[in-house]
Each structure stands twice: as C-alpha cells, then as structure tokens.
C-alpha atoms as a PDB file:
ATOM      1  CA  MET A   1      26.564  96.315 277.987  1.00  0.00           C
ATOM      2  CA  ASP A   2      27.929  95.720 281.481  1.00  0.00           C
ATOM      3  CA  TRP A   3      27.248  92.003 282.083  1.00  0.00           C
ATOM      4  CA  LYS A   4      28.270  92.112 285.701  1.00  0.00           C
ATOM      5  CA  VAL A   5      25.498  94.706 286.409  1.00  0.00           C
ATOM      6  CA  CYS A   6      23.112  92.734 284.161  1.00  0.00           C
ATOM      7  CA  LEU A   7      23.637  89.496 286.009  1.00  0.00           C
ATOM      8  CA  ALA A   8      23.486  91.162 289.515  1.00  0.00           C
ATOM      9  CA  THR A   9      20.136  92.835 288.528  1.00  0.00           C
ATOM     10  CA  PHE A  10      18.872  89.469 287.215  1.00  0.00           C
ATOM     11  CA  GLY A  11      19.917  87.635 290.391  1.00  0.00           C
ATOM     12  CA  THR A  12      18.408  90.292 292.739  1.00  0.00           C
ATOM     13  CA  ILE A  13      15.154  90.573 290.865  1.00  0.00           C
ATOM     14  CA  ILE A  14      14.550  86.866 290.382  1.00  0.00           C
ATOM     15  CA  LEU A  15      15.179  86.239 294.255  1.00  0.00           C
ATOM     16  CA  ALA A  16      12.830  89.118 295.083  1.00  0.00           C
ATOM     17  CA  GLU A  17      10.053  87.888 292.738  1.00  0.00           C
ATOM     18  CA  LEU A  18      10.081  84.305 293.714  1.00  0.00           C
ATOM     19  CA  GLY A  19       6.933  83.547 295.752  1.00  0.00           C
ATOM     20  CA  ASP A  20       5.619  87.019 295.685  1.00  0.00           C
ATOM     21  CA  LYS A  21       2.102  88.182 294.761  1.00  0.00           C
ATOM     22  CA  THR A  22       2.939  88.562 291.126  1.00  0.00           C
ATOM     23  CA  GLN A  23       3.895  84.901 290.903  1.00  0.00           C
ATOM     24  CA  LEU A  24       0.885  83.876 292.872  1.00  0.00           C
ATOM     25  CA  ALA A  25      -1.317  85.975 290.537  1.00  0.00           C
ATOM     26  CA  ALA A  26       0.212  84.163 287.524  1.00  0.00           C
ATOM     27  CA  ILE A  27      -0.420  80.745 289.170  1.00  0.00           C
ATOM     28  CA  MET A  28      -4.053  81.728 289.823  1.00  0.00           C
ATOM     29  CA  MET A  29      -4.594  83.054 286.427  1.00  0.00           C
ATOM     30  CA  THR A  30      -3.163  79.871 284.923  1.00  0.00           C
ATOM     31  CA  CYS A  31      -5.446  77.655 287.002  1.00  0.00           C
ATOM     32  CA  LYS A  32      -8.499  79.783 286.416  1.00  0.00           C
ATOM     33  CA  THR A  33      -8.029  80.116 282.581  1.00  0.00           C
ATOM     34  CA  ALA A  34      -6.038  76.951 281.718  1.00  0.00           C
ATOM     35  CA  ARG A  35      -4.227  79.063 279.147  1.00  0.00           C
ATOM     36  CA  PRO A  36      -0.645  79.050 280.343  1.00  0.00           C
ATOM     37  CA  LEU A  37       0.854  80.657 277.222  1.00  0.00           C
ATOM     38  CA  SER A  38      -1.546  83.623 277.271  1.00  0.00           C
ATOM     39  CA  VAL A  39      -0.909  84.147 281.003  1.00  0.00           C
ATOM     40  CA  PHE A  40       2.935  83.955 280.403  1.00  0.00           C
ATOM     41  CA  VAL A  41       2.728  86.497 277.529  1.00  0.00           C
ATOM     42  CA  GLY A  42       0.516  88.871 279.572  1.00  0.00           C
ATOM     43  CA  ALA A  43       2.814  88.559 282.639  1.00  0.00           C
ATOM     44  CA  VAL A  44       6.010  89.165 280.652  1.00  0.00           C
ATOM     45  CA  ALA A  45       4.459  92.211 279.009  1.00  0.00           C
ATOM     46  CA  ALA A  46       3.356  93.644 282.276  1.00  0.00           C
ATOM     47  CA  LEU A  47       6.626  93.008 283.993  1.00  0.00           C
ATOM     48  CA  THR A  48       8.491  94.458 281.049  1.00  0.00           C
ATOM     49  CA  ILE A  49       6.478  97.750 281.130  1.00  0.00           C
ATOM     50  CA  VAL A  50       6.855  97.945 285.038  1.00  0.00           C
ATOM     51  CA  THR A  51      10.529  97.487 284.688  1.00  0.00           C
ATOM     52  CA  LEU A  52      10.865 100.007 281.958  1.00  0.00           C
ATOM     53  CA  LEU A  53       9.014 102.561 284.058  1.00  0.00           C
ATOM     54  CA  GLY A  54      11.238 101.774 287.005  1.00  0.00           C
ATOM     55  CA  VAL A  55      14.374 102.228 284.925  1.00  0.00           C
ATOM     56  CA  VAL A  56      13.183 105.431 283.356  1.00  0.00           C
ATOM     57  CA  PHE A  57      12.120 106.840 286.735  1.00  0.00           C
ATOM     58  CA  GLY A  58      15.309 105.739 288.344  1.00  0.00           C
ATOM     59  CA  GLU A  59      17.461 107.388 285.646  1.00  0.00           C
ATOM     60  CA  GLY A  60      15.467 110.673 285.943  1.00  0.00           C
ATOM     61  CA  LEU A  61      15.731 110.604 289.664  1.00  0.00           C
ATOM     62  CA  MET A  62      19.482 110.035 289.531  1.00  0.00           C
ATOM     63  CA  ARG A  63      19.851 113.244 287.588  1.00  0.00           C
ATOM     64  CA  ILE A  64      18.049 115.243 290.276  1.00  0.00           C
ATOM     65  CA  VAL A  65      19.027 113.625 293.471  1.00  0.00           C
ATOM     66  CA  PRO A  66      22.627 112.664 294.450  1.00  0.00           C
ATOM     67  CA  GLU A  67      23.313 108.855 294.620  1.00  0.00           C
ATOM     68  CA  HIS A  68      24.409 108.840 298.171  1.00  0.00           C
ATOM     69  CA  LEU A  69      21.140 110.519 299.209  1.00  0.00           C
ATOM     70  CA  LEU A  70      19.104 108.005 297.252  1.00  0.00           C
ATOM     71  CA  LYS A  71      20.997 105.134 298.958  1.00  0.00           C
ATOM     72  CA  ASN A  72      20.388 106.559 302.415  1.00  0.00           C
ATOM     73  CA  VAL A  73      16.675 107.201 301.819  1.00  0.00           C
ATOM     74  CA  ALA A  74      16.209 103.719 300.299  1.00  0.00           C
ATOM     75  CA  ALA A  75      17.944 102.155 303.271  1.00  0.00           C
ATOM     76  CA  GLY A  76      15.715 104.153 305.690  1.00  0.00           C
ATOM     77  CA  VAL A  77      12.549 103.110 303.839  1.00  0.00           C
ATOM     78  CA  PHE A  78      13.513  99.470 303.886  1.00  0.00           C
ATOM     79  CA  ILE A  79      14.275  99.748 307.726  1.00  0.00           C
ATOM     80  CA  VAL A  80      10.871 101.519 308.377  1.00  0.00           C
ATOM     81  CA  ILE A  81       9.028  98.846 306.329  1.00  0.00           C
ATOM     82  CA  GLY A  82      10.900  96.053 308.177  1.00  0.00           C
ATOM     83  CA  VAL A  83      10.057  97.533 311.572  1.00  0.00           C
ATOM     84  CA  LEU A  84       6.384  98.035 310.643  1.00  0.00           C
ATOM     85  CA  MET A  85       6.211  94.393 309.462  1.00  0.00           C
ATOM     86  CA  LEU A  86       7.737  93.150 312.621  1.00  0.00           C
ATOM     87  CA  ILE A  87       5.316  95.149 314.787  1.00  0.00           C
ATOM     88  CA  GLY A  88       2.348  93.997 312.686  1.00  0.00           C
ATOM     89  CA  ARG A  89       3.341  90.349 313.378  1.00  0.00           C
ATOM     90  CA  MET A  90       3.605  90.801 317.127  1.00  0.00           C
END
C-alpha cells in the first residue's frame, strides 16, 4: 500500500466532506432518531459503497481515457461549476 497516496486521499476527502450535505443528513438523522450508533453504521456503509463505486469506475475509466485528458476534463468541469455557482450568487 502506498501510504502517501492513502493519506493524501484521506486528507482530501475529509476536508471535502466536512460540513457538506452528507454530514448534515447524518446530524439530522441522529437528532430525529436519537440512535447515533445506527446512524453511524448506516452512514459508514453508504459512504463505503459510494467510495467503492467511485474507485471501480475511476479504475475502469483510466483504462479507456488517457490520464492527461481526464485531468483536463475534470479541471474544466470544476471551472464551469465554479462559474455557475458564482453567477447564481450574483
């Protein structure tokens, strides 16, 4: 296992997930049900499956599309989303 990649992935995802709708949904479910352990187990299972799907999809995509093209497309999509968000706030 490449621990540098593992830690970089951990850091990136934990920063991206803090305060997002997934965390808010877990907070709301805990408040609604008063069952924090059940909410935790359900959230971990869901995030594990979603992450597995992302990794499997990403691995398959890398076999078909060159890495440099994927990076450029991803960068372009992020720029478009950022511009749309900026316009929506004006």
